[in-house]
Protein backbone atom coordinates (compact mmCIF):
# COMPACT_ATOMS: atom_id res chain seq x y z
CA UNK A 1 10.99 1.96 0.61
CA UNK A 2 10.34 5.01 -1.60
CA UNK A 3 9.66 3.00 -4.73
CA UNK A 4 7.52 0.53 -2.78
CA UNK A 5 4.94 3.24 -2.24
CA UNK A 6 4.54 3.58 -6.00
CA UNK A 7 4.80 -0.09 -6.92
CA UNK A 8 2.19 -1.17 -4.35
CA UNK A 9 -0.24 1.39 -5.68
CA UNK A 10 0.26 0.54 -9.31
CA UNK A 11 0.08 -3.24 -8.84
CA UNK A 12 -3.53 -2.66 -7.78
CA UNK A 13 -4.36 -0.79 -10.98
CA UNK A 14 -1.44 -1.45 -13.27
CA UNK A 15 -2.77 -3.89 -15.86
CA UNK A 16 -5.08 -3.16 -18.75
CA UNK A 17 -7.23 -6.13 -17.82
CA UNK A 18 -7.65 -5.00 -14.23
CA UNK A 19 -8.70 -1.49 -15.16
CA UNK A 20 -10.92 -2.68 -17.98
CA UNK A 21 -12.59 -5.16 -15.65
CA UNK A 22 -13.33 -2.52 -13.04
CA UNK A 23 -14.70 -0.10 -15.62
CA UNK A 24 -16.75 -2.86 -17.24
CA UNK A 25 -18.23 -3.71 -13.85
CA UNK A 26 -19.20 -0.07 -13.46
CA UNK A 27 -20.83 -0.14 -16.90
CA UNK A 28 -22.82 -3.29 -16.15
CA UNK A 29 -23.94 -1.86 -12.82
CA UNK A 30 -25.21 1.28 -14.52
CA UNK A 31 -27.01 -0.72 -17.20
CA UNK A 32 -28.73 -2.90 -14.61
CA UNK A 33 -29.84 0.12 -12.60
CA UNK A 34 -31.31 1.69 -15.74
CA UNK A 35 -33.11 -1.52 -16.68
CA UNK A 36 -34.57 -1.92 -13.20
CA UNK A 37 -35.74 1.69 -13.23
CA UNK A 38 -37.54 1.35 -16.60
CA UNK A 39 -39.13 -1.86 -15.40
CA UNK A 40 -40.55 -0.11 -12.36
CA UNK A 41 -42.08 2.60 -14.55
CA UNK A 42 -43.77 0.04 -16.81
CA UNK A 43 -45.16 -1.72 -13.79
CA UNK A 44 -46.77 1.49 -12.54
CA UNK A 45 -48.64 1.92 -15.87
CA UNK A 46 -50.14 -1.59 -15.83
CA UNK A 47 -53.81 -1.84 -14.57
CA UNK A 48 -54.28 -3.70 -11.32
CA UNK A 49 -55.51 -7.28 -11.67
CA UNK A 50 -57.56 -9.13 -9.10
CA UNK A 51 -55.30 -12.08 -8.47
CA UNK A 52 -54.18 -13.91 -5.41
CA UNK A 53 -51.18 -12.37 -3.79
CA UNK A 54 -47.93 -14.13 -4.54
CA UNK A 55 -45.97 -15.46 -1.59
CA UNK A 56 -43.41 -12.99 -0.28
CA UNK A 57 -39.96 -13.22 -1.84
CA UNK A 58 -37.19 -14.00 0.56
CA UNK A 59 -34.36 -11.55 0.28
CA UNK A 60 -30.77 -12.43 0.91
CA UNK A 61 -28.89 -9.65 2.60
CA UNK A 62 -25.24 -9.44 1.65
CA UNK A 63 -23.01 -7.57 4.04
CA UNK A 64 -21.17 -4.81 2.25
CA UNK A 65 -18.93 -3.65 5.05
CA UNK A 66 -15.56 -5.34 5.28
CA UNK A 67 -14.04 -5.41 8.73
CA UNK A 68 -10.46 -4.20 8.93
CA UNK A 69 -7.93 -6.73 10.19
CA UNK A 70 -6.19 -6.10 13.49
CA UNK A 71 -3.01 -4.12 12.99
CA UNK A 72 0.21 -4.81 14.86
CA UNK A 73 0.20 -2.14 17.53
CA UNK A 74 2.95 -1.34 19.97
CA UNK A 75 2.44 -1.41 23.74
CA UNK A 76 1.69 1.87 25.51
CA UNK A 77 4.60 4.15 24.72
CA UNK A 78 6.90 5.21 27.53
CA UNK A 79 7.79 8.90 27.40
CA UNK A 80 11.38 10.10 27.56
CA UNK A 81 12.81 13.51 28.36
CA UNK A 82 14.08 15.14 25.18
CA UNK A 83 17.83 15.51 24.71
CA UNK A 84 18.47 19.29 24.49
CA UNK A 85 21.31 18.61 22.05
CA UNK A 86 19.01 16.87 19.59
CA UNK A 87 19.31 13.52 17.82
CA UNK A 88 21.09 12.12 14.80
CA UNK A 89 18.50 11.07 12.19
CA UNK A 90 19.35 7.74 10.56
CA UNK A 91 16.29 6.20 8.89
CA UNK A 92 18.17 3.63 6.81
CA UNK A 93 19.64 0.77 8.88
CA UNK A 94 21.95 -1.52 6.84
CA UNK A 95 21.87 -5.23 7.66
CA UNK A 96 24.05 -8.23 6.84
CA UNK A 97 23.24 -11.69 5.45
CA UNK A 98 21.99 -13.90 8.27
CA UNK A 99 20.12 -11.08 10.04
CA UNK A 100 16.83 -12.43 11.43
CA UNK A 101 13.70 -10.57 12.40
CA UNK A 102 9.97 -11.05 13.00
CA UNK A 103 7.88 -9.24 10.42
CA UNK A 104 4.26 -8.15 10.92
CA UNK A 105 2.20 -6.33 8.33
CA UNK A 106 -1.48 -5.39 8.24
CA UNK A 107 -3.67 -2.88 6.48
CA UNK A 108 -6.27 -2.19 3.82
CA UNK A 109 -6.24 -1.15 0.19
CA UNK A 110 -9.33 0.62 -1.19
CA UNK A 111 -9.86 0.96 -4.94
CA UNK A 112 -12.48 3.07 -6.70
CA UNK A 113 -12.92 3.32 -10.46
CA UNK A 114 -15.51 5.70 -11.95
CA UNK A 115 -16.49 5.95 -15.62
CA UNK A 116 -18.29 9.30 -15.86
CA UNK A 117 -20.15 8.46 -19.07
CA UNK A 118 -21.78 5.49 -17.32
CA UNK A 119 -22.58 7.25 -14.04
CA UNK A 120 -21.40 4.28 -12.02
CA UNK A 121 -18.50 3.35 -9.82
CA UNK A 122 -16.72 0.14 -8.87
CA UNK A 123 -15.31 -0.01 -5.35
CA UNK A 124 -13.34 -2.56 -3.42
CA UNK A 125 -11.67 -2.73 -0.01
CA UNK A 126 -8.99 -5.38 0.46
CA UNK A 127 -7.61 -6.03 3.97
CA UNK A 128 -4.63 -8.25 4.79
CA UNK A 129 -2.69 -9.56 7.82
CA UNK A 130 0.73 -11.16 7.50
CA UNK A 131 3.31 -12.43 9.98
CA UNK A 132 6.56 -14.33 9.41
CA UNK A 133 10.02 -15.06 10.74
CA UNK A 134 12.53 -13.69 8.24
CA UNK A 135 16.16 -14.45 7.46
CA UNK A 136 18.11 -12.11 5.19
CA UNK A 137 20.08 -14.18 2.65
CA UNK A 138 21.69 -11.46 0.53
CA UNK A 139 22.12 -7.69 0.58
CA UNK A 140 23.32 -5.00 -1.83
CA UNK A 141 26.17 -2.53 -1.33
CA UNK A 142 23.89 -0.30 0.79
CA UNK A 143 22.99 -3.12 3.16
CA UNK A 144 19.44 -3.46 1.82
CA UNK A 145 18.05 -7.03 1.59
CA UNK A 146 17.89 -8.38 -1.96
CA UNK A 147 16.99 -11.97 -1.01
CA UNK A 148 14.89 -12.93 2.03
CA UNK A 149 13.56 -16.22 3.32
CA UNK A 150 10.21 -16.03 5.13
CA UNK A 151 8.75 -18.76 7.32
CA UNK A 152 5.06 -17.90 7.26
CA UNK A 153 3.24 -17.72 10.58
CA UNK A 154 -0.01 -16.47 9.04
CA UNK A 155 -1.38 -14.79 5.93
CA UNK A 156 -5.03 -13.73 5.91
CA UNK A 157 -6.56 -11.81 3.04
CA UNK A 158 -10.08 -10.60 2.32
CA UNK A 159 -11.28 -9.79 -1.17
CA UNK A 160 -13.57 -6.92 -2.16
CA UNK A 161 -16.63 -9.15 -1.66
CA UNK A 162 -15.72 -9.85 1.95
CA UNK A 163 -14.50 -13.41 1.41
CA UNK A 164 -11.63 -14.30 3.77
CA UNK A 165 -8.90 -16.72 2.75
CA UNK A 166 -5.55 -18.05 3.93
CA UNK A 167 -3.51 -18.35 0.72
CA UNK A 168 -0.42 -19.73 2.51
CA UNK A 169 -0.38 -22.34 5.25
CA UNK A 170 1.66 -21.72 8.42
CA UNK A 171 5.21 -23.01 7.90
CA UNK A 172 5.30 -22.23 4.17
CA UNK A 173 8.79 -21.22 3.06
CA UNK A 174 8.72 -18.08 0.92
CA UNK A 175 11.86 -16.84 -0.81
CA UNK A 176 11.63 -13.25 -2.04
CA UNK A 177 14.25 -12.11 -4.54
CA UNK A 178 14.80 -8.65 -5.99
CA UNK A 179 14.44 -8.50 -9.77
CA UNK A 180 14.24 -5.01 -11.22
CA UNK A 181 11.41 -2.98 -9.74
CA UNK A 182 9.22 -6.03 -9.01
CA UNK A 183 10.22 -8.94 -6.74
CA UNK A 184 9.86 -12.62 -7.63
CA UNK A 185 8.79 -15.33 -5.18
CA UNK A 186 9.17 -19.05 -4.64
CA UNK A 187 6.96 -21.12 -2.35
CA UNK A 188 8.63 -24.22 -0.93
CA UNK A 189 11.02 -24.13 -3.89
CA UNK A 190 8.39 -23.69 -6.64
CA UNK A 191 7.63 -20.42 -8.49
CA UNK A 192 4.67 -18.56 -6.99
CA UNK A 193 1.50 -18.09 -9.02
CA UNK A 194 0.65 -14.70 -10.48
CA UNK A 195 -2.06 -14.19 -7.85
CA UNK A 196 0.22 -15.00 -4.91
CA UNK A 197 2.99 -12.88 -6.43
CA UNK A 198 0.60 -9.94 -6.51
CA UNK A 199 -0.43 -10.48 -2.89
CA UNK A 200 3.09 -10.94 -1.53
CA UNK A 201 4.43 -8.12 -3.69
CA UNK A 202 2.19 -5.71 -1.80
CA UNK A 203 3.52 -6.94 1.55
CA UNK A 204 7.14 -8.10 1.38
CA UNK A 205 9.90 -5.58 0.76
CA UNK A 206 13.19 -6.42 -0.87
CA UNK A 207 15.44 -3.76 -2.33
CA UNK A 208 14.53 -2.45 -5.77
CA UNK A 209 17.58 -0.23 -5.92
CA UNK A 210 17.34 3.52 -6.01
CA UNK A 211 17.67 5.98 -3.15
CA UNK A 212 17.60 5.02 0.53
CA UNK A 213 15.28 6.62 3.07
CA UNK A 214 18.17 8.76 4.31
CA UNK A 215 18.86 10.04 0.80
CA UNK A 216 15.22 11.09 0.35
CA UNK A 217 13.89 11.83 3.86
CA UNK A 218 17.05 12.19 5.94
CA UNK A 219 18.96 15.23 7.11
CA UNK A 220 22.54 16.00 8.14
CA UNK A 221 23.36 16.97 11.68
CA UNK A 222 21.15 16.67 14.74
CA UNK A 223 17.51 17.65 15.09
CA UNK A 224 15.49 18.47 18.18
CA UNK A 225 11.97 17.27 18.93
CA UNK A 226 9.49 19.25 16.81
CA UNK A 227 12.04 20.38 14.21
CA UNK A 228 11.30 19.84 10.51
CA UNK A 229 13.26 19.69 7.25
CA UNK A 230 12.50 19.36 3.54
CA UNK A 231 12.61 16.06 1.72
CA UNK A 232 14.93 15.64 -1.27
CA UNK A 233 12.44 16.26 -4.09
CA UNK A 234 15.01 15.58 -6.82
CA UNK A 235 15.92 12.16 -5.42
CA UNK A 236 12.25 11.25 -4.94
CA UNK A 237 11.35 12.31 -8.49
CA UNK A 238 14.17 10.15 -9.83
CA UNK A 239 12.97 7.15 -7.83
CA UNK A 240 9.36 7.57 -8.91
CA UNK A 241 10.52 8.08 -12.49
CA UNK A 242 11.90 4.55 -12.70
CA UNK A 243 8.41 3.37 -13.67
CA UNK A 244 6.73 4.29 -17.00
CA UNK A 245 4.51 7.36 -16.61
CA UNK A 246 1.83 9.17 -18.59
CA UNK A 247 2.61 12.33 -16.63
CA UNK A 248 6.28 12.21 -15.50
CA UNK A 249 7.21 13.15 -11.94
CA UNK A 250 9.18 16.40 -11.70
CA UNK A 251 10.93 17.73 -8.62
CA UNK A 252 9.21 21.11 -8.92
CA UNK A 253 5.85 19.34 -8.44
CA UNK A 254 6.94 17.55 -5.25
CA UNK A 255 6.47 19.15 -1.85
CA UNK A 256 7.52 17.21 1.23
CA UNK A 257 8.46 17.78 4.85
CA UNK A 258 9.83 15.51 7.58
CA UNK A 259 9.41 16.19 11.31
CA UNK A 260 10.99 14.59 14.38
CA UNK A 261 7.84 14.02 16.44
CA UNK A 262 9.07 12.45 19.67
CA UNK A 263 11.23 9.92 21.45
CA UNK A 264 9.16 6.94 22.57
CA UNK A 265 9.23 3.36 23.76
CA UNK A 266 8.19 1.31 20.72
CA UNK A 267 8.00 -2.44 21.27
CA UNK A 268 10.32 -2.00 24.23
CA UNK A 269 12.96 -0.05 22.26
CA UNK A 270 13.82 3.62 22.87
CA UNK A 271 13.05 5.04 19.44
CA UNK A 272 12.81 8.19 17.34
CA UNK A 273 9.47 8.74 15.63
CA UNK A 274 9.72 10.69 12.36
CA UNK A 275 6.72 11.78 10.32
CA UNK A 276 6.99 12.50 6.59
CA UNK A 277 4.30 14.24 4.54
CA UNK A 278 4.62 14.33 0.75
CA UNK A 279 2.46 15.73 -2.01
CA UNK A 280 3.14 15.01 -5.68
CA UNK A 281 1.20 17.01 -8.28
CA UNK A 282 0.77 16.47 -12.03
CA UNK A 283 2.08 12.89 -11.94
CA UNK A 284 0.48 9.69 -13.20
CA UNK A 285 1.97 6.30 -13.97
CA UNK A 286 1.11 4.56 -17.22
CA UNK A 287 -1.88 2.25 -16.81
CA UNK A 288 -2.90 0.22 -19.84
CA UNK A 289 -4.45 2.39 -22.56
CA UNK A 290 -5.54 5.13 -20.16
CA UNK A 291 -4.36 8.57 -21.34
CA UNK A 292 -3.86 10.52 -18.13
CA UNK A 293 -4.83 14.19 -18.12
CA UNK A 294 -4.39 14.75 -14.36
CA UNK A 295 -2.96 12.91 -11.40
CA UNK A 296 -1.14 13.08 -8.12
CA UNK A 297 -0.44 11.41 -4.80
CA UNK A 298 -0.32 12.19 -1.08
CA UNK A 299 1.69 10.21 1.47
CA UNK A 300 1.78 10.44 5.25
CA UNK A 301 4.42 8.18 6.79
CA UNK A 302 5.53 7.59 10.37
CA UNK A 303 8.72 5.64 10.83
CA UNK A 304 10.23 4.61 14.17
CA UNK A 305 13.89 3.62 14.48
CA UNK A 306 16.12 3.11 17.55
CA UNK A 307 17.71 6.23 19.03
CA UNK A 308 21.03 4.40 18.70
CA UNK A 309 21.94 5.15 15.04
CA UNK A 310 23.80 1.83 14.69
CA UNK A 311 20.98 -0.39 16.00
CA UNK A 312 18.90 -2.68 13.77
CA UNK A 313 16.75 -3.87 16.67
CA UNK A 314 13.52 -2.34 15.41
CA UNK A 315 11.80 -0.64 12.52
CA UNK A 316 8.15 0.36 12.88
CA UNK A 317 6.34 1.88 9.93
CA UNK A 318 2.89 3.40 9.33
CA UNK A 319 1.71 4.69 5.98
CA UNK A 320 -1.39 6.35 4.61
CA UNK A 321 -1.41 6.90 0.85
CA UNK A 322 -3.86 8.29 -1.67
CA UNK A 323 -3.29 8.16 -5.41
CA UNK A 324 -5.54 9.88 -7.97
CA UNK A 325 -5.50 9.59 -11.77
CA UNK A 326 -7.95 11.03 -14.28
CA UNK A 327 -7.89 10.33 -18.01
CA UNK A 328 -9.67 8.88 -21.02
CA UNK A 329 -9.90 5.51 -22.77
CA UNK A 330 -12.49 3.59 -24.79
CA UNK A 331 -14.95 3.97 -21.90
CA UNK A 332 -14.75 7.75 -22.00
CA UNK A 333 -13.50 9.75 -19.03
CA UNK A 334 -12.24 7.54 -16.22
CA UNK A 335 -11.22 8.41 -12.67
CA UNK A 336 -9.11 6.11 -10.50
CA UNK A 337 -8.79 6.54 -6.73
CA UNK A 338 -6.65 4.29 -4.56
CA UNK A 339 -6.04 4.52 -0.80
CA UNK A 340 -3.67 2.41 1.29
CA UNK A 341 -3.43 2.20 5.08
CA UNK A 342 -0.67 -0.07 6.32
CA UNK A 343 1.32 -0.79 9.47
CA UNK A 344 4.55 -2.77 9.56
CA UNK A 345 7.02 -3.77 12.24
CA UNK A 346 10.37 -5.53 12.14
CA UNK A 347 11.79 -6.70 15.46
CA UNK A 348 15.17 -8.40 15.54
CA UNK A 349 15.37 -12.05 16.61
CA UNK A 350 18.35 -12.53 18.90
């Protein structure tokens, strides 16, 4: 899960072509604005001519706002009396091949690229909704899925222009397989296209190796409601460092804290709700030819797991992420901002 936070972010900005395209769009936008402005000034200097008025021009209004998709929300939470002895915190729940669960994922990704020399910005907001029945086919030594089979119930995406699409029909069989730090996919037995791989790679999680949630966010012993503990900055830096970086992640630049918020009824399961807040300074992954001079990331995560430390009945996950990189390339000084809001739930199928 730790590395997913990085890989999802960088897939949105991680190719030279993608960044160049966004910056080029910003450049074109600025040029058009300048041209329109000069045209208006010339028009003001022209003498008025006595001619018949031209018919009014019909304007087409394009909606800029993109509605967010509905997120999978739990029923009203039932409150429980806190155990005065505290609770064992187990965020990682190993599974076995054959484990089945219903997976729901929804959220938005917002991208902003600014080229300061062109005084223009390119923005895009990309919502998605995904639901599937999942069967785990293979796991690693830690009990993390390395191969999963998804039977798609629905996949709805919306691009930055507000165009909705359903890339996969209900019933499509998706096989996700771990391969290094990026998964590979097959659709009904055939390799997935690059576009679909990018979409599914932001949604479906299979193990990429590295540390587990317990190794990074966990704590030994029991904790009471409201108690906090530090995250393992060294383990997190090592996980983040598995991807090429312009500014390497260092443990001294990572500050993170986890807190046991409450015990609640989540999707009918008595669960612990743990919130993790992380700030990473002076870190930037390598993106094309961009030479990073500054960067960082902020994560706020809420993860719900059953109070029973051996149960795999439920995992509910909410994440808000912001990544910032500043640097230079052929377009001058460039600033990249990316924000992700996502909600996921996994409920076991008996």
